Amino acid sequence: MSTTNEQYREDLTAYLLEVATGNGYLKGTLLHTPDLDEAWQRYAPSFYGDAVHEFNGYPEYCLACAGYLGMAVAHLWDKDWVRYMDSPYSFFQSDKGFDDMDDFITGNILRENTRSVAAMHSLSAEAFHFLMKSGAEAGTADAYRFFLISVEVMYKIGAAIWLDKLGYKFEKVNLT
């Protein structure tokens, strides 16, 4: 029986959330906002185009860059979303493009690399391992779809880690 796309997404998200929580990057909750999800929908086609070309040679790097992108978008969302919400995908890259996206984001947007780099090294390796264990045969449509899902989940995990770093948390609010 093959894994469905949605089951793969749920399982990978739960697994990476557990790993991130165990490593102290999150507190058991995948923090998110609709703004960050909408931003992903805008950036995803360009990101996928870059990542697909590099994945065979640098799979963990491609997955990590998705997490860095999530961190950067969360950072800008907190800083001044009205100003940054329409930033193009190229805003997250230097003139070297995708090849140094990680360094560009950590050095020029986040201005932090201790927590972000450790988190992305660890989680991208775990995501790649999870992808390899999925059972999807390399070069198939299932493998491609699972790769795209893995990239999206890494983006969301990266965003959640940065939101957590900034002190955001889900709390019940009494509106009465």
N, C-alpha and C. Protein backbone atom coordinates (compact mmCIF):
# COMPACT_ATOMS: atom_id res chain seq x y z
N MET A 1 0.84 -1.18 0.00
CA MET A 1 0.00 0.00 0.00
C MET A 1 0.89 1.24 0.00
N SER A 2 0.66 2.14 -0.93
CA SER A 2 1.49 3.34 -1.01
C SER A 2 0.95 4.44 -0.11
N THR A 3 1.86 5.30 0.28
CA THR A 3 1.52 6.44 1.12
C THR A 3 0.90 7.53 0.25
N THR A 4 -0.19 8.12 0.71
CA THR A 4 -0.79 9.22 -0.02
C THR A 4 0.00 10.49 0.25
N ASN A 5 -0.18 11.48 -0.61
CA ASN A 5 0.49 12.76 -0.41
C ASN A 5 0.13 13.36 0.93
N GLU A 6 -1.14 13.33 1.28
CA GLU A 6 -1.57 13.94 2.54
C GLU A 6 -1.01 13.18 3.74
N GLN A 7 -0.99 11.87 3.66
CA GLN A 7 -0.43 11.07 4.76
C GLN A 7 1.06 11.35 4.90
N TYR A 8 1.76 11.44 3.78
CA TYR A 8 3.19 11.76 3.83
C TYR A 8 3.40 13.12 4.48
N ARG A 9 2.60 14.12 4.09
CA ARG A 9 2.71 15.46 4.65
C ARG A 9 2.48 15.44 6.17
N GLU A 10 1.44 14.77 6.59
CA GLU A 10 1.12 14.69 8.02
C GLU A 10 2.22 13.98 8.80
N ASP A 11 2.69 12.87 8.26
CA ASP A 11 3.73 12.09 8.95
C ASP A 11 5.05 12.85 9.03
N LEU A 12 5.45 13.49 7.93
CA LEU A 12 6.70 14.26 7.94
C LEU A 12 6.60 15.45 8.88
N THR A 13 5.48 16.15 8.85
CA THR A 13 5.29 17.29 9.74
C THR A 13 5.37 16.86 11.20
N ALA A 14 4.68 15.79 11.54
CA ALA A 14 4.70 15.29 12.92
C ALA A 14 6.11 14.87 13.32
N TYR A 15 6.80 14.21 12.42
CA TYR A 15 8.17 13.75 12.71
C TYR A 15 9.11 14.93 12.93
N LEU A 16 9.09 15.89 12.02
CA LEU A 16 10.00 17.04 12.15
C LEU A 16 9.63 17.91 13.35
N LEU A 17 8.35 18.00 13.65
CA LEU A 17 7.93 18.74 14.85
C LEU A 17 8.48 18.06 16.10
N GLU A 18 8.44 16.74 16.12
CA GLU A 18 8.99 15.99 17.25
C GLU A 18 10.51 16.19 17.36
N VAL A 19 11.20 16.12 16.24
CA VAL A 19 12.66 16.31 16.24
C VAL A 19 13.00 17.74 16.68
N ALA A 20 12.30 18.72 16.11
CA ALA A 20 12.57 20.12 16.46
C ALA A 20 12.28 20.39 17.93
N THR A 21 11.25 19.79 18.45
CA THR A 21 10.92 19.95 19.88
C THR A 21 11.97 19.27 20.74
N GLY A 22 12.37 18.07 20.35
CA GLY A 22 13.40 17.34 21.09
C GLY A 22 14.73 18.06 21.12
N ASN A 23 15.02 18.81 20.06
CA ASN A 23 16.28 19.56 19.99
C ASN A 23 16.16 20.97 20.58
N GLY A 24 14.98 21.31 21.08
CA GLY A 24 14.78 22.62 21.71
C GLY A 24 14.51 23.76 20.75
N TYR A 25 14.20 23.47 19.48
CA TYR A 25 13.92 24.53 18.52
C TYR A 25 12.45 24.95 18.54
N LEU A 26 11.59 24.06 18.99
CA LEU A 26 10.16 24.34 19.12
C LEU A 26 9.66 23.78 20.44
N LYS A 27 8.44 24.15 20.77
CA LYS A 27 7.84 23.69 22.02
C LYS A 27 6.61 22.82 21.77
N GLY A 28 6.69 21.97 20.75
CA GLY A 28 5.61 21.02 20.48
C GLY A 28 4.49 21.55 19.62
N THR A 29 4.59 22.80 19.16
CA THR A 29 3.53 23.39 18.35
C THR A 29 4.12 23.95 17.06
N LEU A 30 3.44 23.70 15.96
CA LEU A 30 3.86 24.24 14.68
C LEU A 30 3.20 25.61 14.51
N LEU A 31 3.91 26.65 14.95
CA LEU A 31 3.39 28.00 14.86
C LEU A 31 3.28 28.41 13.39
N HIS A 32 2.22 29.13 13.05
CA HIS A 32 2.04 29.57 11.67
C HIS A 32 1.04 30.70 11.61
N THR A 33 1.00 31.37 10.50
CA THR A 33 0.00 32.40 10.24
C THR A 33 -0.44 32.25 8.78
N PRO A 34 -1.64 32.67 8.46
CA PRO A 34 -2.07 32.64 7.06
C PRO A 34 -1.16 33.47 6.15
N ASP A 35 -0.62 34.56 6.67
CA ASP A 35 0.28 35.40 5.86
C ASP A 35 1.49 34.60 5.38
N LEU A 36 2.06 33.80 6.27
CA LEU A 36 3.25 33.02 5.89
C LEU A 36 2.89 31.92 4.91
N ASP A 37 1.72 31.32 5.07
CA ASP A 37 1.26 30.31 4.12
C ASP A 37 1.02 30.92 2.74
N GLU A 38 0.44 32.11 2.70
CA GLU A 38 0.22 32.80 1.43
C GLU A 38 1.54 33.16 0.78
N ALA A 39 2.51 33.59 1.57
CA ALA A 39 3.83 33.92 1.02
C ALA A 39 4.44 32.68 0.38
N TRP A 40 4.30 31.51 1.02
CA TRP A 40 4.83 30.29 0.44
C TRP A 40 4.22 30.03 -0.93
N GLN A 41 2.92 30.25 -1.06
CA GLN A 41 2.26 30.02 -2.35
C GLN A 41 2.86 30.90 -3.44
N ARG A 42 3.29 32.09 -3.09
CA ARG A 42 3.92 32.98 -4.07
C ARG A 42 5.35 32.55 -4.40
N TYR A 43 6.11 32.12 -3.38
CA TYR A 43 7.52 31.79 -3.57
C TYR A 43 7.76 30.36 -4.06
N ALA A 44 6.82 29.48 -3.80
CA ALA A 44 7.02 28.06 -4.10
C ALA A 44 7.41 27.77 -5.55
N PRO A 45 6.72 28.32 -6.55
CA PRO A 45 7.10 27.97 -7.92
C PRO A 45 8.57 28.31 -8.24
N SER A 46 9.02 29.48 -7.81
CA SER A 46 10.42 29.86 -8.05
C SER A 46 11.37 28.99 -7.24
N PHE A 47 11.00 28.73 -5.99
CA PHE A 47 11.86 27.90 -5.15
C PHE A 47 11.97 26.50 -5.72
N TYR A 48 10.84 25.93 -6.10
CA TYR A 48 10.86 24.58 -6.67
C TYR A 48 11.76 24.53 -7.90
N GLY A 49 11.67 25.56 -8.74
CA GLY A 49 12.50 25.60 -9.93
C GLY A 49 13.98 25.55 -9.60
N ASP A 50 14.39 26.30 -8.57
CA ASP A 50 15.79 26.27 -8.14
C ASP A 50 16.16 24.93 -7.52
N ALA A 51 15.33 24.47 -6.61
CA ALA A 51 15.65 23.27 -5.83
C ALA A 51 15.67 22.00 -6.68
N VAL A 52 14.79 21.90 -7.64
CA VAL A 52 14.74 20.70 -8.47
C VAL A 52 16.05 20.52 -9.22
N HIS A 53 16.62 21.62 -9.69
CA HIS A 53 17.89 21.54 -10.44
C HIS A 53 19.06 21.10 -9.56
N GLU A 54 19.00 21.40 -8.28
CA GLU A 54 20.12 21.12 -7.39
C GLU A 54 19.93 19.88 -6.51
N PHE A 55 18.72 19.34 -6.47
CA PHE A 55 18.39 18.31 -5.50
C PHE A 55 19.27 17.07 -5.60
N ASN A 56 19.52 16.57 -6.79
CA ASN A 56 20.31 15.33 -6.91
C ASN A 56 21.70 15.48 -6.33
N GLY A 57 22.30 16.63 -6.48
CA GLY A 57 23.65 16.84 -5.96
C GLY A 57 23.68 17.31 -4.52
N TYR A 58 22.65 18.05 -4.11
CA TYR A 58 22.65 18.69 -2.79
C TYR A 58 21.26 18.62 -2.14
N PRO A 59 20.77 17.43 -1.88
CA PRO A 59 19.40 17.31 -1.37
C PRO A 59 19.18 17.99 -0.02
N GLU A 60 20.09 17.81 0.91
CA GLU A 60 19.90 18.41 2.23
C GLU A 60 19.99 19.93 2.16
N TYR A 61 20.85 20.44 1.29
CA TYR A 61 20.95 21.89 1.12
C TYR A 61 19.63 22.46 0.61
N CYS A 62 19.03 21.80 -0.37
CA CYS A 62 17.76 22.27 -0.91
C CYS A 62 16.67 22.29 0.15
N LEU A 63 16.62 21.24 0.95
CA LEU A 63 15.63 21.19 2.03
C LEU A 63 15.91 22.26 3.08
N ALA A 64 17.18 22.47 3.41
CA ALA A 64 17.54 23.49 4.39
C ALA A 64 17.18 24.87 3.89
N CYS A 65 17.41 25.14 2.62
CA CYS A 65 17.09 26.47 2.08
C CYS A 65 15.60 26.78 2.20
N ALA A 66 14.76 25.77 2.07
CA ALA A 66 13.33 25.99 2.28
C ALA A 66 13.07 26.43 3.71
N GLY A 67 13.76 25.81 4.67
CA GLY A 67 13.63 26.21 6.07
C GLY A 67 14.15 27.61 6.31
N TYR A 68 15.28 27.94 5.70
CA TYR A 68 15.82 29.31 5.82
C TYR A 68 14.85 30.32 5.25
N LEU A 69 14.24 29.99 4.12
CA LEU A 69 13.25 30.89 3.53
C LEU A 69 12.08 31.10 4.48
N GLY A 70 11.61 30.03 5.12
CA GLY A 70 10.54 30.15 6.10
C GLY A 70 10.95 31.05 7.26
N MET A 71 12.17 30.89 7.74
CA MET A 71 12.67 31.74 8.81
C MET A 71 12.70 33.20 8.38
N ALA A 72 13.21 33.45 7.18
CA ALA A 72 13.33 34.83 6.69
C ALA A 72 11.96 35.47 6.53
N VAL A 73 11.01 34.75 5.98
CA VAL A 73 9.67 35.31 5.79
C VAL A 73 9.04 35.59 7.16
N ALA A 74 9.21 34.68 8.11
CA ALA A 74 8.67 34.91 9.46
C ALA A 74 9.33 36.14 10.11
N HIS A 75 10.62 36.29 9.90
CA HIS A 75 11.34 37.45 10.43
C HIS A 75 10.76 38.74 9.86
N LEU A 76 10.56 38.78 8.55
CA LEU A 76 10.03 39.98 7.91
C LEU A 76 8.58 40.22 8.29
N TRP A 77 7.83 39.15 8.49
CA TRP A 77 6.44 39.27 8.93
C TRP A 77 6.39 39.97 10.29
N ASP A 78 7.28 39.60 11.18
CA ASP A 78 7.34 40.21 12.50
C ASP A 78 7.87 41.65 12.43
N LYS A 79 8.83 41.87 11.58
CA LYS A 79 9.50 43.17 11.52
C LYS A 79 8.59 44.25 10.94
N ASP A 80 8.03 44.02 9.77
CA ASP A 80 7.19 45.03 9.11
C ASP A 80 6.55 44.40 7.88
N TRP A 81 5.50 43.62 8.11
CA TRP A 81 4.91 42.85 7.03
C TRP A 81 4.36 43.73 5.92
N VAL A 82 3.79 44.87 6.24
CA VAL A 82 3.26 45.75 5.21
C VAL A 82 4.37 46.15 4.23
N ARG A 83 5.53 46.38 4.76
CA ARG A 83 6.67 46.77 3.93
C ARG A 83 7.21 45.60 3.09
N TYR A 84 7.25 44.40 3.69
CA TYR A 84 7.94 43.27 3.05
C TYR A 84 7.02 42.24 2.39
N MET A 85 5.73 42.34 2.56
CA MET A 85 4.83 41.28 2.11
C MET A 85 4.87 41.03 0.60
N ASP A 86 5.25 42.00 -0.18
CA ASP A 86 5.31 41.82 -1.63
C ASP A 86 6.74 41.67 -2.15
N SER A 87 7.67 41.37 -1.25
CA SER A 87 9.06 41.19 -1.69
C SER A 87 9.14 40.03 -2.66
N PRO A 88 9.89 40.21 -3.75
CA PRO A 88 10.02 39.11 -4.72
C PRO A 88 10.92 38.01 -4.16
N TYR A 89 10.84 36.86 -4.75
CA TYR A 89 11.68 35.72 -4.35
C TYR A 89 13.15 36.10 -4.40
N SER A 90 13.54 36.88 -5.36
CA SER A 90 14.95 37.28 -5.50
C SER A 90 15.45 38.09 -4.32
N PHE A 91 14.55 38.65 -3.52
CA PHE A 91 14.93 39.41 -2.33
C PHE A 91 15.72 38.55 -1.35
N PHE A 92 15.51 37.24 -1.39
CA PHE A 92 16.12 36.30 -0.45
C PHE A 92 17.43 35.70 -0.97
N GLN A 93 17.95 36.27 -2.04
CA GLN A 93 19.17 35.74 -2.66
C GLN A 93 20.12 36.87 -3.02
N SER A 94 21.40 36.53 -3.01
CA SER A 94 22.41 37.47 -3.48
C SER A 94 22.52 37.33 -5.01
N ASP A 95 23.52 37.95 -5.58
CA ASP A 95 23.72 37.81 -7.03
C ASP A 95 24.16 36.39 -7.42
N LYS A 96 24.49 35.56 -6.43
CA LYS A 96 24.83 34.16 -6.70
C LYS A 96 23.58 33.28 -6.76
N GLY A 97 22.44 33.84 -6.48
CA GLY A 97 21.19 33.10 -6.56
C GLY A 97 21.04 32.04 -5.49
N PHE A 98 20.54 30.91 -5.89
CA PHE A 98 20.24 29.82 -4.97
C PHE A 98 21.49 29.26 -4.29
N ASP A 99 22.63 29.38 -4.95
CA ASP A 99 23.86 28.76 -4.46
C ASP A 99 24.32 29.23 -3.09
N ASP A 100 23.95 30.44 -2.70
CA ASP A 100 24.33 30.89 -1.35
C ASP A 100 23.15 31.46 -0.59
N MET A 101 21.97 30.94 -0.91
CA MET A 101 20.75 31.42 -0.27
C MET A 101 20.82 31.30 1.25
N ASP A 102 21.40 30.22 1.74
CA ASP A 102 21.50 30.02 3.18
C ASP A 102 22.33 31.12 3.83
N ASP A 103 23.51 31.37 3.28
CA ASP A 103 24.38 32.41 3.84
C ASP A 103 23.78 33.79 3.69
N PHE A 104 23.13 34.05 2.57
CA PHE A 104 22.52 35.36 2.36
C PHE A 104 21.42 35.61 3.40
N ILE A 105 20.56 34.62 3.60
CA ILE A 105 19.46 34.80 4.55
C ILE A 105 19.99 34.95 5.97
N THR A 106 20.91 34.07 6.38
CA THR A 106 21.39 34.15 7.77
C THR A 106 22.21 35.41 8.00
N GLY A 107 22.97 35.85 7.01
CA GLY A 107 23.82 37.02 7.20
C GLY A 107 23.15 38.35 6.96
N ASN A 108 22.20 38.41 6.05
CA ASN A 108 21.63 39.69 5.66
C ASN A 108 20.19 39.93 6.10
N ILE A 109 19.43 38.87 6.34
CA ILE A 109 18.05 39.05 6.78
C ILE A 109 17.91 38.71 8.25
N LEU A 110 18.30 37.50 8.61
CA LEU A 110 18.16 37.09 10.02
C LEU A 110 19.24 37.70 10.90
N ARG A 111 20.41 37.89 10.32
CA ARG A 111 21.59 38.38 11.06
C ARG A 111 21.87 37.52 12.29
N GLU A 112 21.73 36.23 12.04
CA GLU A 112 21.94 35.22 13.09
C GLU A 112 22.22 33.91 12.38
N ASN A 113 23.22 33.18 12.85
CA ASN A 113 23.44 31.89 12.22
C ASN A 113 23.66 30.75 13.19
N THR A 114 23.72 31.00 14.46
CA THR A 114 23.95 29.92 15.40
C THR A 114 22.75 28.99 15.49
N ARG A 115 21.60 29.52 15.87
CA ARG A 115 20.39 28.71 16.02
C ARG A 115 19.87 28.25 14.66
N SER A 116 19.85 29.15 13.70
CA SER A 116 19.26 28.82 12.41
C SER A 116 20.04 27.73 11.68
N VAL A 117 21.34 27.84 11.67
CA VAL A 117 22.16 26.86 10.96
C VAL A 117 22.09 25.49 11.65
N ALA A 118 22.19 25.46 12.94
CA ALA A 118 22.09 24.19 13.67
C ALA A 118 20.74 23.52 13.41
N ALA A 119 19.69 24.30 13.47
CA ALA A 119 18.35 23.75 13.25
C ALA A 119 18.21 23.21 11.83
N MET A 120 18.64 23.97 10.85
CA MET A 120 18.46 23.55 9.46
C MET A 120 19.36 22.38 9.08
N HIS A 121 20.57 22.32 9.63
CA HIS A 121 21.42 21.15 9.36
C HIS A 121 20.75 19.89 9.88
N SER A 122 20.29 19.95 11.10
CA SER A 122 19.66 18.80 11.73
C SER A 122 18.37 18.40 11.03
N LEU A 123 17.50 19.36 10.83
CA LEU A 123 16.17 19.05 10.30
C LEU A 123 16.20 18.69 8.81
N SER A 124 17.09 19.30 8.05
CA SER A 124 17.16 18.92 6.63
C SER A 124 17.67 17.50 6.47
N ALA A 125 18.61 17.10 7.32
CA ALA A 125 19.09 15.72 7.29
C ALA A 125 17.97 14.75 7.66
N GLU A 126 17.19 15.11 8.67
CA GLU A 126 16.06 14.25 9.08
C GLU A 126 14.99 14.19 7.98
N ALA A 127 14.71 15.33 7.35
CA ALA A 127 13.70 15.36 6.29
C ALA A 127 14.16 14.52 5.09
N PHE A 128 15.45 14.61 4.74
CA PHE A 128 15.97 13.82 3.63
C PHE A 128 15.90 12.32 3.96
N HIS A 129 16.27 11.96 5.16
CA HIS A 129 16.20 10.57 5.59
C HIS A 129 14.75 10.07 5.51
N PHE A 130 13.82 10.88 5.97
CA PHE A 130 12.40 10.53 5.93
C PHE A 130 11.95 10.33 4.48
N LEU A 131 12.38 11.23 3.60
CA LEU A 131 12.03 11.14 2.19
C LEU A 131 12.58 9.84 1.59
N MET A 132 13.81 9.48 1.92
CA MET A 132 14.41 8.27 1.39
C MET A 132 13.70 7.02 1.90
N LYS A 133 13.15 7.09 3.10
CA LYS A 133 12.43 5.94 3.67
C LYS A 133 10.98 5.87 3.19
N SER A 134 10.54 6.84 2.40
CA SER A 134 9.13 6.90 1.99
C SER A 134 8.72 5.72 1.11
N GLY A 135 9.69 5.10 0.47
CA GLY A 135 9.37 3.99 -0.41
C GLY A 135 9.10 4.42 -1.84
N ALA A 136 9.09 5.72 -2.10
CA ALA A 136 8.87 6.19 -3.47
C ALA A 136 10.13 5.92 -4.28
N GLU A 137 9.95 5.31 -5.42
CA GLU A 137 11.09 4.98 -6.28
C GLU A 137 11.64 6.25 -6.93
N ALA A 138 12.96 6.41 -6.87
CA ALA A 138 13.61 7.59 -7.43
C ALA A 138 13.18 7.80 -8.88
N GLY A 139 12.94 9.05 -9.23
CA GLY A 139 12.59 9.39 -10.59
C GLY A 139 11.12 9.23 -10.93
N THR A 140 10.32 8.81 -9.97
CA THR A 140 8.89 8.62 -10.23
C THR A 140 8.10 9.87 -9.83
N ALA A 141 6.86 9.89 -10.27
CA ALA A 141 5.97 11.00 -9.92
C ALA A 141 5.78 11.07 -8.41
N ASP A 142 5.68 9.92 -7.75
CA ASP A 142 5.53 9.92 -6.29
C ASP A 142 6.75 10.54 -5.61
N ALA A 143 7.93 10.20 -6.07
CA ALA A 143 9.16 10.76 -5.49
C ALA A 143 9.18 12.27 -5.66
N TYR A 144 8.77 12.74 -6.82
CA TYR A 144 8.74 14.18 -7.08
C TYR A 144 7.73 14.88 -6.16
N ARG A 145 6.54 14.31 -6.05
CA ARG A 145 5.52 14.91 -5.17
C ARG A 145 5.99 14.91 -3.72
N PHE A 146 6.61 13.84 -3.27
CA PHE A 146 7.10 13.79 -1.89
C PHE A 146 8.22 14.81 -1.67
N PHE A 147 9.05 15.03 -2.67
CA PHE A 147 10.07 16.06 -2.58
C PHE A 147 9.42 17.44 -2.41
N LEU A 148 8.42 17.74 -3.25
CA LEU A 148 7.75 19.04 -3.15
C LEU A 148 7.10 19.22 -1.78
N ILE A 149 6.49 18.18 -1.28
CA ILE A 149 5.87 18.23 0.06
C ILE A 149 6.95 18.45 1.11
N SER A 150 8.07 17.76 0.99
CA SER A 150 9.16 17.90 1.97
C SER A 150 9.68 19.34 2.01
N VAL A 151 9.81 19.95 0.86
CA VAL A 151 10.26 21.33 0.78
C VAL A 151 9.26 22.25 1.49
N GLU A 152 7.97 22.06 1.22
CA GLU A 152 6.96 22.90 1.86
C GLU A 152 6.95 22.71 3.37
N VAL A 153 7.07 21.48 3.83
CA VAL A 153 7.09 21.23 5.27
C VAL A 153 8.32 21.87 5.91
N MET A 154 9.46 21.82 5.24
CA MET A 154 10.66 22.48 5.77
C MET A 154 10.46 23.99 5.86
N TYR A 155 9.81 24.59 4.88
CA TYR A 155 9.49 26.02 4.93
C TYR A 155 8.67 26.32 6.19
N LYS A 156 7.64 25.52 6.40
CA LYS A 156 6.75 25.76 7.55
C LYS A 156 7.46 25.52 8.87
N ILE A 157 8.32 24.52 8.93
CA ILE A 157 9.10 24.26 10.15
C ILE A 157 10.06 25.43 10.41
N GLY A 158 10.72 25.90 9.36
CA GLY A 158 11.61 27.05 9.51
C GLY A 158 10.88 28.27 10.02
N ALA A 159 9.71 28.55 9.46
CA ALA A 159 8.91 29.69 9.90
C ALA A 159 8.52 29.52 11.37
N ALA A 160 8.09 28.32 11.74
CA ALA A 160 7.69 28.06 13.13
C ALA A 160 8.85 28.26 14.09
N ILE A 161 10.03 27.79 13.71
CA ILE A 161 11.20 27.95 14.57
C ILE A 161 11.50 29.43 14.79
N TRP A 162 11.41 30.21 13.73
CA TRP A 162 11.70 31.63 13.88
C TRP A 162 10.62 32.34 14.70
N LEU A 163 9.37 32.00 14.47
CA LEU A 163 8.29 32.59 15.28
C LEU A 163 8.49 32.25 16.75
N ASP A 164 8.89 31.02 17.03
CA ASP A 164 9.16 30.61 18.41
C ASP A 164 10.32 31.42 18.99
N LYS A 165 11.37 31.60 18.21
CA LYS A 165 12.52 32.39 18.65
C LYS A 165 12.09 33.82 18.99
N LEU A 166 11.14 34.35 18.22
CA LEU A 166 10.66 35.70 18.45
C LEU A 166 9.69 35.80 19.63
N GLY A 167 9.33 34.65 20.19
CA GLY A 167 8.47 34.65 21.36
C GLY A 167 6.99 34.42 21.10
N TYR A 168 6.65 34.12 19.88
CA TYR A 168 5.24 33.85 19.59
C TYR A 168 4.84 32.49 20.16
N LYS A 169 3.58 32.38 20.53
CA LYS A 169 3.04 31.11 21.00
C LYS A 169 1.53 31.18 20.86
N PHE A 170 0.92 30.02 20.75
CA PHE A 170 -0.53 29.95 20.70
C PHE A 170 -1.05 29.96 22.13
N GLU A 171 -1.96 30.84 22.40
CA GLU A 171 -2.58 30.92 23.72
C GLU A 171 -4.07 31.09 23.54
N LYS A 172 -4.83 30.49 24.44
CA LYS A 172 -6.27 30.74 24.46
C LYS A 172 -6.49 32.15 24.94
N VAL A 173 -7.40 32.81 24.26
CA VAL A 173 -7.73 34.19 24.64
C VAL A 173 -9.20 34.22 25.01
N ASN A 174 -9.50 34.79 26.15
CA ASN A 174 -10.87 34.93 26.59
C ASN A 174 -11.42 36.22 25.98
N LEU A 175 -12.37 36.09 25.05
CA LEU A 175 -12.90 37.25 24.36
C LEU A 175 -14.12 37.84 25.05
N THR A 176 -14.50 37.29 26.16
CA THR A 176 -15.68 37.84 26.84
C THR A 176 -15.30 38.81 27.92
